[in-house]
Protein backbone atom coordinates (compact mmCIF):
# COMPACT_ATOMS: atom_id res chain seq x y z
CA MET A 1 -33.41 15.09 -3.30
CA ALA A 2 -34.79 18.68 -3.68
CA ASP A 3 -33.08 22.02 -3.48
CA ASP A 4 -34.36 25.07 -1.59
CA HIS A 5 -36.76 25.96 -4.37
CA GLY A 6 -38.27 22.60 -4.39
CA GLU A 7 -36.78 21.48 -7.72
CA GLN A 8 -35.52 17.88 -8.14
CA LEU A 9 -31.83 17.42 -8.20
CA ALA A 10 -30.17 14.44 -9.95
CA PRO A 11 -28.35 12.17 -7.52
CA ASP A 12 -24.56 12.01 -7.78
CA ARG A 13 -23.44 9.21 -9.97
CA LEU A 14 -21.34 6.55 -8.40
CA LEU A 15 -19.07 6.51 -11.38
CA PRO A 16 -18.35 9.76 -13.16
CA ASP A 17 -18.45 10.24 -16.78
CA GLU A 18 -15.20 9.27 -18.17
CA PRO A 19 -13.49 7.14 -20.89
CA LEU A 20 -13.52 3.42 -20.45
CA PRO A 21 -9.75 3.15 -19.64
CA GLN A 22 -10.06 5.76 -16.75
CA ARG A 23 -13.29 4.03 -15.50
CA ILE A 24 -11.52 0.64 -15.35
CA SER A 25 -8.53 2.17 -13.50
CA ARG A 26 -11.02 3.61 -11.04
CA ILE A 27 -12.80 0.23 -10.53
CA LEU A 28 -9.45 -1.51 -10.05
CA ALA A 29 -8.54 0.99 -7.39
CA TRP A 30 -11.73 0.35 -5.58
CA ILE A 31 -11.00 -3.35 -5.58
CA GLY A 32 -7.52 -2.58 -4.16
CA GLY A 33 -9.20 -0.62 -1.34
CA ALA A 34 -11.66 -3.43 -0.71
CA ILE A 35 -8.68 -5.90 -0.56
CA ILE A 36 -7.01 -3.62 1.99
CA LEU A 37 -10.21 -3.46 4.10
CA PHE A 38 -10.92 -7.17 4.14
CA GLY A 39 -7.61 -8.60 3.52
CA CYS A 40 -5.71 -6.58 5.89
CA ALA A 41 -7.94 -4.89 8.51
CA GLY A 42 -10.37 -7.53 8.74
CA LEU A 43 -8.13 -10.45 9.05
CA ILE A 44 -5.78 -8.64 11.47
CA THR A 45 -8.83 -7.76 13.75
CA ILE A 46 -9.85 -11.41 13.75
CA ASP A 47 -6.39 -12.42 14.67
CA VAL A 48 -6.10 -9.90 17.47
CA ILE A 49 -9.47 -11.02 19.00
CA THR A 50 -8.82 -14.80 18.75
CA ARG A 51 -5.16 -14.11 20.29
CA TYR A 52 -6.70 -12.40 23.16
CA PHE A 53 -9.48 -15.05 23.87
CA PHE A 54 -7.77 -18.16 22.72
CA LYS A 55 -4.07 -17.34 22.93
CA ARG A 56 -3.41 -18.19 19.34
CA GLY A 57 -4.21 -16.73 15.99
CA MET A 58 -6.91 -18.30 13.81
CA VAL A 59 -5.78 -16.89 10.42
CA GLU A 60 -2.25 -16.13 9.06
CA SER A 61 -3.14 -12.39 8.93
CA PHE A 62 0.66 -11.25 8.66
CA GLU A 63 1.19 -13.31 5.61
CA ILE A 64 -2.15 -12.47 3.86
CA SER A 65 -2.05 -8.86 4.64
CA GLY A 66 1.34 -8.63 2.89
CA TYR A 67 -0.24 -10.27 -0.19
CA ALA A 68 -3.09 -7.89 0.12
CA LEU A 69 -0.87 -4.78 0.38
CA ALA A 70 1.12 -5.80 -2.69
CA ALA A 71 -2.12 -6.51 -4.71
CA CYS A 72 -3.51 -3.16 -3.45
CA ILE A 73 -0.50 -1.21 -4.68
CA GLY A 74 -0.50 -3.00 -8.14
CA LEU A 75 -4.41 -2.44 -8.85
CA GLY A 76 -4.19 1.26 -7.60
CA MET A 77 -1.22 2.34 -9.78
CA GLY A 78 -3.20 2.70 -12.85
CA PHE A 79 -5.58 5.07 -11.07
CA THR A 80 -2.64 7.28 -10.05
CA VAL A 81 -1.86 7.80 -13.75
CA THR A 82 -5.32 8.93 -14.74
CA SER A 83 -5.83 11.08 -11.62
CA LYS A 84 -2.25 12.39 -11.81
CA ALA A 85 -1.70 11.40 -8.23
CA ASN A 86 1.85 10.37 -8.79
CA ILE A 87 4.58 12.79 -7.25
CA ARG A 88 6.02 15.30 -9.57
CA VAL A 89 8.50 17.95 -8.63
CA ASP A 90 7.41 20.87 -10.62
CA ILE A 91 8.54 23.93 -8.45
CA LEU A 92 10.03 25.64 -11.44
CA LEU A 93 7.70 24.45 -14.11
CA GLY A 94 5.26 27.34 -13.90
CA ALA A 95 8.06 29.92 -14.53
CA LEU A 96 9.19 28.08 -17.79
CA PRO A 97 8.05 29.37 -21.15
CA ASP A 98 4.98 27.56 -22.55
CA PRO A 99 6.80 25.37 -25.17
CA ILE A 100 9.43 24.16 -22.56
CA ARG A 101 6.62 23.34 -20.17
CA VAL A 102 4.85 21.31 -22.63
CA ALA A 103 8.07 19.45 -23.49
CA CYS A 104 8.67 18.73 -19.79
CA ASP A 105 5.23 17.34 -19.41
CA ILE A 106 5.52 15.04 -22.36
CA ALA A 107 9.09 13.93 -21.05
CA ALA A 108 7.65 13.14 -17.67
CA SER A 109 4.85 11.13 -18.94
CA LEU A 110 7.08 9.21 -21.31
CA ALA A 111 9.49 8.44 -18.55
CA LEU A 112 6.65 7.15 -16.41
CA ALA A 113 5.56 4.97 -19.36
CA VAL A 114 9.07 3.39 -19.74
CA ILE A 115 9.28 2.65 -15.95
CA ALA A 116 5.63 1.19 -15.90
CA THR A 117 6.43 -1.08 -18.96
CA ALA A 118 9.67 -2.30 -17.21
CA LEU A 119 8.02 -3.04 -14.01
CA ALA A 120 5.13 -4.97 -15.90
CA TRP A 121 7.80 -6.95 -17.86
CA TYR A 122 10.00 -8.01 -15.10
CA SER A 123 7.00 -8.80 -12.79
CA PHE A 124 5.76 -11.12 -15.48
CA GLY A 125 9.00 -12.85 -15.40
CA THR A 126 8.70 -13.28 -11.73
CA LEU A 127 5.16 -14.70 -12.13
CA GLN A 128 6.30 -16.99 -14.85
CA GLN A 129 9.09 -18.27 -12.79
CA SER A 130 6.78 -19.05 -9.84
CA TRP A 131 4.40 -20.90 -12.10
CA SER A 132 7.07 -23.14 -13.54
CA MET A 133 8.55 -23.90 -10.20
CA GLY A 134 5.25 -24.42 -8.49
CA ALA A 135 6.37 -22.06 -5.84
CA LYS A 136 4.57 -21.90 -2.52
CA SER A 137 4.92 -19.77 0.57
CA VAL A 138 7.08 -21.32 3.35
CA SER A 139 4.25 -20.81 5.93
CA SER A 140 1.62 -23.17 7.15
CA LEU A 141 -0.71 -21.89 4.52
CA GLN A 142 1.31 -23.13 1.65
CA THR A 143 -0.10 -20.36 -0.63
CA PRO A 144 0.62 -20.84 -4.35
CA MET A 145 2.69 -17.81 -5.19
CA ILE A 146 1.08 -17.39 -8.52
CA LEU A 147 -2.20 -16.20 -6.83
CA PRO A 148 -0.90 -13.07 -4.97
CA GLN A 149 1.77 -12.46 -7.72
CA GLY A 150 -0.94 -12.86 -10.44
CA VAL A 151 -3.18 -10.18 -8.97
CA TRP A 152 -0.24 -7.90 -8.40
CA TRP A 153 0.85 -8.47 -11.95
CA VAL A 154 -2.63 -7.51 -13.41
CA GLY A 155 -2.40 -4.43 -11.58
CA LEU A 156 1.18 -3.55 -13.00
CA PHE A 157 -0.03 -4.61 -16.55
CA TRP A 158 -2.83 -2.17 -16.37
CA PHE A 159 -0.57 0.51 -14.94
CA ALA A 160 1.65 0.00 -17.88
CA CYS A 161 -1.19 0.09 -20.33
CA MET A 162 -2.48 3.47 -18.92
CA ALA A 163 0.99 4.98 -18.73
CA VAL A 164 1.57 4.33 -22.32
CA LEU A 165 -2.02 5.27 -23.40
CA ILE A 166 -2.18 8.70 -21.63
CA PRO A 167 0.79 10.37 -23.26
CA LEU A 168 -0.40 9.06 -26.70
CA GLN A 169 -3.82 10.79 -25.99
CA ALA A 170 -2.05 13.87 -24.83
CA LEU A 171 -0.02 14.11 -27.97
CA MET A 172 -3.14 13.63 -30.17
CA ARG A 173 -4.80 16.44 -28.31
CA LEU A 174 -1.78 18.61 -28.60
CA ALA A 175 -1.64 17.87 -32.37
CA ARG A 176 -5.35 19.18 -32.59
CA ARG A 177 -4.27 22.26 -30.62
CA ASP A 178 -6.30 21.29 -27.66
CA ARG A 179 -4.17 22.54 -24.90
CA ARG A 180 -6.77 22.24 -22.27
CA GLY A 181 -7.21 18.60 -22.98
CA PHE A 182 -3.45 18.09 -22.99
CA ASN A 183 -3.20 19.70 -19.62
CA ALA A 184 -5.98 17.61 -18.19
CA LEU A 185 -4.06 14.44 -19.12
CA VAL A 186 -0.40 15.14 -18.37
CA GLY A 187 -0.14 18.71 -17.10
CA SER A 188 0.73 19.35 -13.53
CA LEU A 189 -2.21 19.62 -11.12
CA GLN A 190 -3.53 23.11 -10.36
CA VAL A 191 -4.45 24.27 -6.85
CA THR A 192 -8.13 23.96 -7.71
CA GLU A 193 -7.89 20.45 -9.17
CA GLU A 194 -6.09 19.38 -6.00
CA ILE A 195 -8.80 20.76 -3.96
CA GLU A 196 -11.45 19.06 -6.01
CA GLN A 197 -9.55 15.83 -5.66
CA ALA A 198 -9.66 16.19 -1.91
CA GLY A 199 -13.46 16.18 -2.24
CA VAL A 200 -14.12 19.89 -1.83
CA PRO A 201 -16.39 21.39 -4.42
CA ALA A 202 -14.85 24.18 -6.28
CA SER A 203 -17.61 26.48 -5.16
CA GLN A 204 -16.74 25.84 -1.48
CA ALA A 205 -12.96 26.27 -2.06
CA PRO A 206 -11.45 29.16 0.02
CA VAL A 207 -10.57 32.24 -1.98
CA ALA A 208 -7.09 33.63 -1.54
CA PRO A 209 -7.23 37.32 -0.14
CA ARG A 210 -6.22 39.99 -2.78
């Protein structure tokens, strides 16, 4: 691709330059999106068409889409940590003094790490119980429950890994007095960052009137 002056422009990379854990989180989120598209939308479409023409469904789309939704949520949760897409109520945070704001950011990230670790731990207990019992679904598919639960647990395990890793990285950057790096990891999203996450380049973002 060339610009208006005829100079060659480098094509956009499919994967941005980022550390390996963040890249893995992004790839798992893409896999979760693909599961939703093919495990939910695709199978439900097939079921609707076959019910219209043959008066019966050809696939158990309701059951499979439930598994796909759980797998998608699990696989995408690690990416919510790296992209700071999880919901934070930070209405008053900007008005607080800088040291208190830093303490709140650390407390929020550590609280998320505790919750993520608990989710991974208890979901592994569920997976282990299904394995020991040989549990299967009660539908005609007789799906071994360790299959959807296994994918679900992989996502939650990685979610816990990232939820623990991110605050550790943030504390290391804070110790090196790298405040910008600290904010990039656990600080609240700024308006410009939210606009860029929505896919709008910073150069095209609307400027507030003075």
